[in-house]
């Protein structure tokens, strides 16, 4: 990915060819607390809790209803 500030859409077929850039060896050496703290520090991957999911709106493709604000 050249420009990390750009949103890109991929098909499932395209995603199958996107390399995994996760350093799993490093992740495997981290404690749960370290992984959680890293998530807190990543503005694009904030952890959620049960309360968030109790009130989270589902996308229209899960409910067969238009997304709020769209018809």
PDB file of N, CA and C in Angstrom:
ATOM      1  N   UNK A   1       0.865  -1.166   0.000  1.00  0.00           N
ATOM      2  CA  UNK A   1       0.000   0.000   0.000  1.00  0.00           C
ATOM      3  C   UNK A   1       0.908   1.224   0.000  1.00  0.00           C
ATOM      4  N   UNK A   2       0.757   2.071  -0.985  1.00  0.00           N
ATOM      5  CA  UNK A   2       1.634   3.227  -1.132  1.00  0.00           C
ATOM      6  C   UNK A   2       1.252   4.374  -0.216  1.00  0.00           C
ATOM      7  N   UNK A   3       0.002   4.800  -0.260  1.00  0.00           N
ATOM      8  CA  UNK A   3      -0.441   5.950   0.520  1.00  0.00           C
ATOM      9  C   UNK A   3      -1.397   5.466   1.593  1.00  0.00           C
ATOM     10  N   UNK A   4      -0.935   5.418   2.836  1.00  0.00           N
ATOM     11  CA  UNK A   4      -1.756   4.869   3.919  1.00  0.00           C
ATOM     12  C   UNK A   4      -2.933   5.756   4.283  1.00  0.00           C
ATOM     13  N   UNK A   5      -3.024   6.963   3.728  1.00  0.00           N
ATOM     14  CA  UNK A   5      -4.152   7.843   4.044  1.00  0.00           C
ATOM     15  C   UNK A   5      -5.297   7.659   3.051  1.00  0.00           C
ATOM     16  N   UNK A   6      -5.145   6.786   2.087  1.00  0.00           N
ATOM     17  CA  UNK A   6      -6.153   6.572   1.069  1.00  0.00           C
ATOM     18  C   UNK A   6      -6.962   5.313   1.369  1.00  0.00           C
ATOM     19  N   UNK A   7      -8.289   5.430   1.309  1.00  0.00           N
ATOM     20  CA  UNK A   7      -9.150   4.263   1.464  1.00  0.00           C
ATOM     21  C   UNK A   7      -9.249   3.560   0.118  1.00  0.00           C
ATOM     22  N   UNK A   8      -9.144   2.243   0.158  1.00  0.00           N
ATOM     23  CA  UNK A   8      -9.170   1.446  -1.065  1.00  0.00           C
ATOM     24  C   UNK A   8     -10.168   0.320  -0.876  1.00  0.00           C
ATOM     25  N   UNK A   9     -10.955   0.024  -1.897  1.00  0.00           N
ATOM     26  CA  UNK A   9     -11.880  -1.103  -1.855  1.00  0.00           C
ATOM     27  C   UNK A   9     -11.258  -2.273  -2.612  1.00  0.00           C
ATOM     28  N   UNK A  10     -11.404  -3.463  -2.040  1.00  0.00           N
ATOM     29  CA  UNK A  10     -10.900  -4.675  -2.661  1.00  0.00           C
ATOM     30  C   UNK A  10     -12.033  -5.683  -2.788  1.00  0.00           C
ATOM     31  N   UNK A  11     -11.977  -6.502  -3.813  1.00  0.00           N
ATOM     32  CA  UNK A  11     -12.886  -7.640  -3.919  1.00  0.00           C
ATOM     33  C   UNK A  11     -12.303  -8.771  -3.071  1.00  0.00           C
ATOM     34  N   UNK A  12     -13.107  -9.781  -2.800  1.00  0.00           N
ATOM     35  CA  UNK A  12     -12.597 -10.942  -2.053  1.00  0.00           C
ATOM     36  C   UNK A  12     -11.430 -11.590  -2.787  1.00  0.00           C
ATOM     37  N   UNK A  13     -11.522 -11.633  -4.086  1.00  0.00           N
ATOM     38  CA  UNK A  13     -10.455 -12.242  -4.879  1.00  0.00           C
ATOM     39  C   UNK A  13      -9.163 -11.438  -4.751  1.00  0.00           C
ATOM     40  N   UNK A  14      -9.282 -10.121  -4.777  1.00  0.00           N
ATOM     41  CA  UNK A  14      -8.094  -9.273  -4.634  1.00  0.00           C
ATOM     42  C   UNK A  14      -7.483  -9.411  -3.244  1.00  0.00           C
ATOM     43  N   UNK A  15      -8.350  -9.493  -2.212  1.00  0.00           N
ATOM     44  CA  UNK A  15      -7.848  -9.621  -0.851  1.00  0.00           C
ATOM     45  C   UNK A  15      -7.045 -10.897  -0.650  1.00  0.00           C
ATOM     46  N   UNK A  16      -7.382 -11.924  -1.392  1.00  0.00           N
ATOM     47  CA  UNK A  16      -6.653 -13.187  -1.270  1.00  0.00           C
ATOM     48  C   UNK A  16      -5.183 -13.020  -1.653  1.00  0.00           C
ATOM     49  N   UNK A  17      -4.867 -11.965  -2.414  1.00  0.00           N
ATOM     50  CA  UNK A  17      -3.497 -11.738  -2.879  1.00  0.00           C
ATOM     51  C   UNK A  17      -2.779 -10.613  -2.139  1.00  0.00           C
ATOM     52  N   UNK A  18      -3.449  -9.993  -1.159  1.00  0.00           N
ATOM     53  CA  UNK A  18      -2.818  -8.923  -0.381  1.00  0.00           C
ATOM     54  C   UNK A  18      -1.948  -9.577   0.696  1.00  0.00           C
ATOM     55  N   UNK A  19      -0.667  -9.225   0.742  1.00  0.00           N
ATOM     56  CA  UNK A  19       0.204  -9.869   1.735  1.00  0.00           C
ATOM     57  C   UNK A  19      -0.147  -9.440   3.157  1.00  0.00           C
ATOM     58  N   UNK A  20      -0.015 -10.374   4.087  1.00  0.00           N
ATOM     59  CA  UNK A  20      -0.236 -10.098   5.505  1.00  0.00           C
ATOM     60  C   UNK A  20       1.018  -9.421   6.041  1.00  0.00           C
ATOM     61  N   UNK A  21       0.896  -8.200   6.519  1.00  0.00           N
ATOM     62  CA  UNK A  21       2.046  -7.454   7.011  1.00  0.00           C
ATOM     63  C   UNK A  21       2.190  -7.541   8.533  1.00  0.00           C
ATOM     64  N   UNK A  22       1.391  -8.380   9.164  1.00  0.00           N
ATOM     65  CA  UNK A  22       1.462  -8.528  10.615  1.00  0.00           C
ATOM     66  C   UNK A  22       2.712  -9.314  10.989  1.00  0.00           C
ATOM     67  N   UNK A  23       3.434  -8.814  11.966  1.00  0.00           N
ATOM     68  CA  UNK A  23       4.612  -9.506  12.484  1.00  0.00           C
ATOM     69  C   UNK A  23       4.152 -10.434  13.606  1.00  0.00           C
ATOM     70  N   UNK A  24       3.694 -11.633  13.233  1.00  0.00           N
ATOM     71  CA  UNK A  24       3.101 -12.551  14.191  1.00  0.00           C
ATOM     72  C   UNK A  24       4.106 -13.035  15.224  1.00  0.00           C
ATOM     73  N   UNK A  25       5.388 -13.106  14.887  1.00  0.00           N
ATOM     74  CA  UNK A  25       6.391 -13.512  15.884  1.00  0.00           C
ATOM     75  C   UNK A  25       6.434 -12.501  17.022  1.00  0.00           C
ATOM     76  N   UNK A  26       6.365 -11.212  16.697  1.00  0.00           N
ATOM     77  CA  UNK A  26       6.347 -10.183  17.724  1.00  0.00           C
ATOM     78  C   UNK A  26       5.059 -10.254  18.533  1.00  0.00           C
ATOM     79  N   UNK A  27       3.939 -10.406  17.854  1.00  0.00           N
ATOM     80  CA  UNK A  27       2.650 -10.496  18.551  1.00  0.00           C
ATOM     81  C   UNK A  27       2.655 -11.671  19.523  1.00  0.00           C
ATOM     82  N   UNK A  28       3.200 -12.795  19.099  1.00  0.00           N
ATOM     83  CA  UNK A  28       3.224 -13.985  19.955  1.00  0.00           C
ATOM     84  C   UNK A  28       4.058 -13.791  21.212  1.00  0.00           C
ATOM     85  N   UNK A  29       5.006 -12.857  21.200  1.00  0.00           N
ATOM     86  CA  UNK A  29       5.840 -12.614  22.383  1.00  0.00           C
ATOM     87  C   UNK A  29       5.230 -11.585  23.329  1.00  0.00           C
ATOM     88  N   UNK A  30       4.155 -10.926  22.910  1.00  0.00           N
ATOM     89  CA  UNK A  30       3.537  -9.865  23.706  1.00  0.00           C
ATOM     90  C   UNK A  30       2.495 -10.429  24.664  1.00  0.00           C
ATOM     91  N   UNK A  31       2.349  -9.770  25.807  1.00  0.00           N
ATOM     92  CA  UNK A  31       1.286 -10.137  26.738  1.00  0.00           C
ATOM     93  C   UNK A  31      -0.039  -9.572  26.215  1.00  0.00           C
ATOM     94  N   UNK A  32      -1.150 -10.062  26.749  1.00  0.00           N
ATOM     95  CA  UNK A  32      -2.457  -9.524  26.369  1.00  0.00           C
ATOM     96  C   UNK A  32      -2.535  -8.033  26.665  1.00  0.00           C
ATOM     97  N   UNK A  33      -1.939  -7.631  27.785  1.00  0.00           N
ATOM     98  CA  UNK A  33      -1.958  -6.212  28.163  1.00  0.00           C
ATOM     99  C   UNK A  33      -1.196  -5.359  27.147  1.00  0.00           C
ATOM    100  N   UNK A  34      -0.074  -5.867  26.655  1.00  0.00           N
ATOM    101  CA  UNK A  34       0.702  -5.124  25.647  1.00  0.00           C
ATOM    102  C   UNK A  34      -0.071  -5.012  24.330  1.00  0.00           C
ATOM    103  N   UNK A  35      -0.724  -6.084  23.935  1.00  0.00           N
ATOM    104  CA  UNK A  35      -1.524  -6.052  22.714  1.00  0.00           C
ATOM    105  C   UNK A  35      -2.659  -5.046  22.868  1.00  0.00           C
ATOM    106  N   UNK A  36      -3.322  -5.071  24.019  1.00  0.00           N
ATOM    107  CA  UNK A  36      -4.426  -4.138  24.284  1.00  0.00           C
ATOM    108  C   UNK A  36      -3.933  -2.695  24.272  1.00  0.00           C
ATOM    109  N   UNK A  37      -2.796  -2.430  24.898  1.00  0.00           N
ATOM    110  CA  UNK A  37      -2.253  -1.076  24.923  1.00  0.00           C
ATOM    111  C   UNK A  37      -1.888  -0.610  23.513  1.00  0.00           C
ATOM    112  N   UNK A  38      -1.331  -1.501  22.707  1.00  0.00           N
ATOM    113  CA  UNK A  38      -1.038  -1.141  21.314  1.00  0.00           C
ATOM    114  C   UNK A  38      -2.322  -0.779  20.573  1.00  0.00           C
ATOM    115  N   UNK A  39      -3.389  -1.525  20.837  1.00  0.00           N
ATOM    116  CA  UNK A  39      -4.674  -1.210  20.200  1.00  0.00           C
ATOM    117  C   UNK A  39      -5.174   0.155  20.648  1.00  0.00           C
ATOM    118  N   UNK A  40      -5.024   0.463  21.929  1.00  0.00           N
ATOM    119  CA  UNK A  40      -5.440   1.781  22.417  1.00  0.00           C
ATOM    120  C   UNK A  40      -4.653   2.902  21.753  1.00  0.00           C
ATOM    121  N   UNK A  41      -3.398   2.648  21.437  1.00  0.00           N
ATOM    122  CA  UNK A  41      -2.538   3.656  20.817  1.00  0.00           C
ATOM    123  C   UNK A  41      -2.764   3.797  19.317  1.00  0.00           C
ATOM    124  N   UNK A  42      -3.489   2.863  18.707  1.00  0.00           N
ATOM    125  CA  UNK A  42      -3.748   2.889  17.262  1.00  0.00           C
ATOM    126  C   UNK A  42      -5.104   3.530  17.007  1.00  0.00           C
ATOM    127  N   UNK A  43      -5.110   4.745  16.456  1.00  0.00           N
ATOM    128  CA  UNK A  43      -6.375   5.461  16.260  1.00  0.00           C
ATOM    129  C   UNK A  43      -7.304   4.770  15.265  1.00  0.00           C
ATOM    130  N   UNK A  44      -6.776   3.858  14.458  1.00  0.00           N
ATOM    131  CA  UNK A  44      -7.595   3.157  13.475  1.00  0.00           C
ATOM    132  C   UNK A  44      -8.111   1.814  13.969  1.00  0.00           C
ATOM    133  N   UNK A  45      -7.712   1.403  15.160  1.00  0.00           N
ATOM    134  CA  UNK A  45      -8.103   0.073  15.646  1.00  0.00           C
ATOM    135  C   UNK A  45      -8.430   0.111  17.131  1.00  0.00           C
ATOM    136  N   UNK A  46      -9.330   0.987  17.514  1.00  0.00           N
ATOM    137  CA  UNK A  46      -9.697   1.093  18.931  1.00  0.00           C
ATOM    138  C   UNK A  46     -10.466  -0.136  19.378  1.00  0.00           C
ATOM    139  N   UNK A  47     -10.100  -0.692  20.539  1.00  0.00           N
ATOM    140  CA  UNK A  47     -10.869  -1.823  21.060  1.00  0.00           C
ATOM    141  C   UNK A  47     -12.280  -1.392  21.455  1.00  0.00           C
ATOM    142  N   UNK A  48     -13.186  -2.329  21.427  1.00  0.00           N
ATOM    143  CA  UNK A  48     -14.568  -2.056  21.821  1.00  0.00           C
ATOM    144  C   UNK A  48     -14.944  -2.978  22.978  1.00  0.00           C
ATOM    145  N   UNK A  49     -16.044  -2.645  23.635  1.00  0.00           N
ATOM    146  CA  UNK A  49     -16.538  -3.490  24.713  1.00  0.00           C
ATOM    147  C   UNK A  49     -17.970  -3.912  24.395  1.00  0.00           C
ATOM    148  N   UNK A  50     -18.559  -4.701  25.281  1.00  0.00           N
ATOM    149  CA  UNK A  50     -19.906  -5.216  25.053  1.00  0.00           C
ATOM    150  C   UNK A  50     -20.929  -4.093  24.901  1.00  0.00           C
ATOM    151  N   UNK A  51     -20.765  -3.006  25.648  1.00  0.00           N
ATOM    152  CA  UNK A  51     -21.704  -1.885  25.570  1.00  0.00           C
ATOM    153  C   UNK A  51     -21.721  -1.285  24.170  1.00  0.00           C
ATOM    154  N   UNK A  52     -20.557  -1.156  23.559  1.00  0.00           N
ATOM    155  CA  UNK A  52     -20.489  -0.627  22.201  1.00  0.00           C
ATOM    156  C   UNK A  52     -21.351  -1.472  21.256  1.00  0.00           C
ATOM    157  N   UNK A  53     -21.214  -2.789  21.340  1.00  0.00           N
ATOM    158  CA  UNK A  53     -21.924  -3.671  20.407  1.00  0.00           C
ATOM    159  C   UNK A  53     -23.409  -3.772  20.697  1.00  0.00           C
ATOM    160  N   UNK A  54     -23.817  -3.509  21.937  1.00  0.00           N
ATOM    161  CA  UNK A  54     -25.247  -3.512  22.258  1.00  0.00           C
ATOM    162  C   UNK A  54     -25.988  -2.412  21.513  1.00  0.00           C
ATOM    163  N   UNK A  55     -25.301  -1.296  21.250  1.00  0.00           N
ATOM    164  CA  UNK A  55     -25.936  -0.135  20.630  1.00  0.00           C
ATOM    165  C   UNK A  55     -25.448   0.163  19.217  1.00  0.00           C
ATOM    166  N   UNK A  56     -24.544  -0.642  18.704  1.00  0.00           N
ATOM    167  CA  UNK A  56     -23.972  -0.371  17.381  1.00  0.00           C
ATOM    168  C   UNK A  56     -25.000  -0.665  16.286  1.00  0.00           C
ATOM    169  N   UNK A  57     -25.189   0.282  15.353  1.00  0.00           N
ATOM    170  CA  UNK A  57     -26.110   0.011  14.249  1.00  0.00           C
ATOM    171  C   UNK A  57     -25.494  -0.991  13.281  1.00  0.00           C
ATOM    172  N   UNK A  58     -26.303  -1.891  12.805  1.00  0.00           N
ATOM    173  CA  UNK A  58     -25.827  -2.853  11.816  1.00  0.00           C
ATOM    174  C   UNK A  58     -25.891  -2.245  10.421  1.00  0.00           C
ATOM    175  N   UNK A  59     -24.898  -2.540   9.578  1.00  0.00           N
ATOM    176  CA  UNK A  59     -24.964  -2.081   8.188  1.00  0.00           C
ATOM    177  C   UNK A  59     -26.190  -2.670   7.494  1.00  0.00           C
ATOM    178  N   UNK A  60     -26.687  -1.966   6.501  1.00  0.00           N
ATOM    179  CA  UNK A  60     -27.917  -2.387   5.833  1.00  0.00           C
ATOM    180  C   UNK A  60     -27.811  -3.775   5.211  1.00  0.00           C
ATOM    181  N   UNK A  61     -26.622  -4.195   4.785  1.00  0.00           N
ATOM    182  CA  UNK A  61     -26.515  -5.518   4.162  1.00  0.00           C
ATOM    183  C   UNK A  61     -26.668  -6.651   5.186  1.00  0.00           C
ATOM    184  N   UNK A  62     -26.693  -6.320   6.492  1.00  0.00           N
ATOM    185  CA  UNK A  62     -26.975  -7.311   7.524  1.00  0.00           C
ATOM    186  C   UNK A  62     -28.447  -7.322   7.910  1.00  0.00           C
ATOM    187  N   UNK A  63     -29.148  -6.237   7.655  1.00  0.00           N
ATOM    188  CA  UNK A  63     -30.520  -6.116   8.121  1.00  0.00           C
ATOM    189  C   UNK A  63     -31.555  -6.053   6.998  1.00  0.00           C
ATOM    190  N   UNK A  64     -31.118  -5.888   5.761  1.00  0.00           N
ATOM    191  CA  UNK A  64     -31.997  -5.693   4.618  1.00  0.00           C
ATOM    192  C   UNK A  64     -32.833  -4.423   4.750  1.00  0.00           C
ATOM    193  N   UNK A  65     -32.358  -3.473   5.561  1.00  0.00           N
ATOM    194  CA  UNK A  65     -32.997  -2.174   5.712  1.00  0.00           C
ATOM    195  C   UNK A  65     -32.001  -1.122   5.276  1.00  0.00           C
ATOM    196  N   UNK A  66     -32.476   0.025   4.788  1.00  0.00           N
ATOM    197  CA  UNK A  66     -31.541   1.101   4.430  1.00  0.00           C
ATOM    198  C   UNK A  66     -30.772   1.578   5.653  1.00  0.00           C
ATOM    199  N   UNK A  67     -29.495   1.907   5.462  1.00  0.00           N
ATOM    200  CA  UNK A  67     -28.698   2.497   6.536  1.00  0.00           C
ATOM    201  C   UNK A  67     -29.293   3.833   6.896  1.00  0.00           C
ATOM    202  N   UNK A  68     -29.265   4.167   8.195  1.00  0.00           N
ATOM    203  CA  UNK A  68     -29.856   5.427   8.653  1.00  0.00           C
ATOM    204  C   UNK A  68     -29.309   6.593   7.841  1.00  0.00           C
ATOM    205  N   UNK A  69     -30.209   7.441   7.370  1.00  0.00           N
ATOM    206  CA  UNK A  69     -29.818   8.614   6.596  1.00  0.00           C
ATOM    207  C   UNK A  69     -29.736   8.354   5.106  1.00  0.00           C
ATOM    208  N   UNK A  70     -29.895   7.089   4.698  1.00  0.00           N
ATOM    209  CA  UNK A  70     -29.852   6.736   3.271  1.00  0.00           C
ATOM    210  C   UNK A  70     -31.144   6.038   2.888  1.00  0.00           C
ATOM    211  N   UNK A  71     -31.550   6.198   1.666  1.00  0.00           N
ATOM    212  CA  UNK A  71     -32.761   5.515   1.205  1.00  0.00           C
ATOM    213  C   UNK A  71     -32.447   4.649   0.025  1.00  0.00           C
TER     214      UNK A  71
END
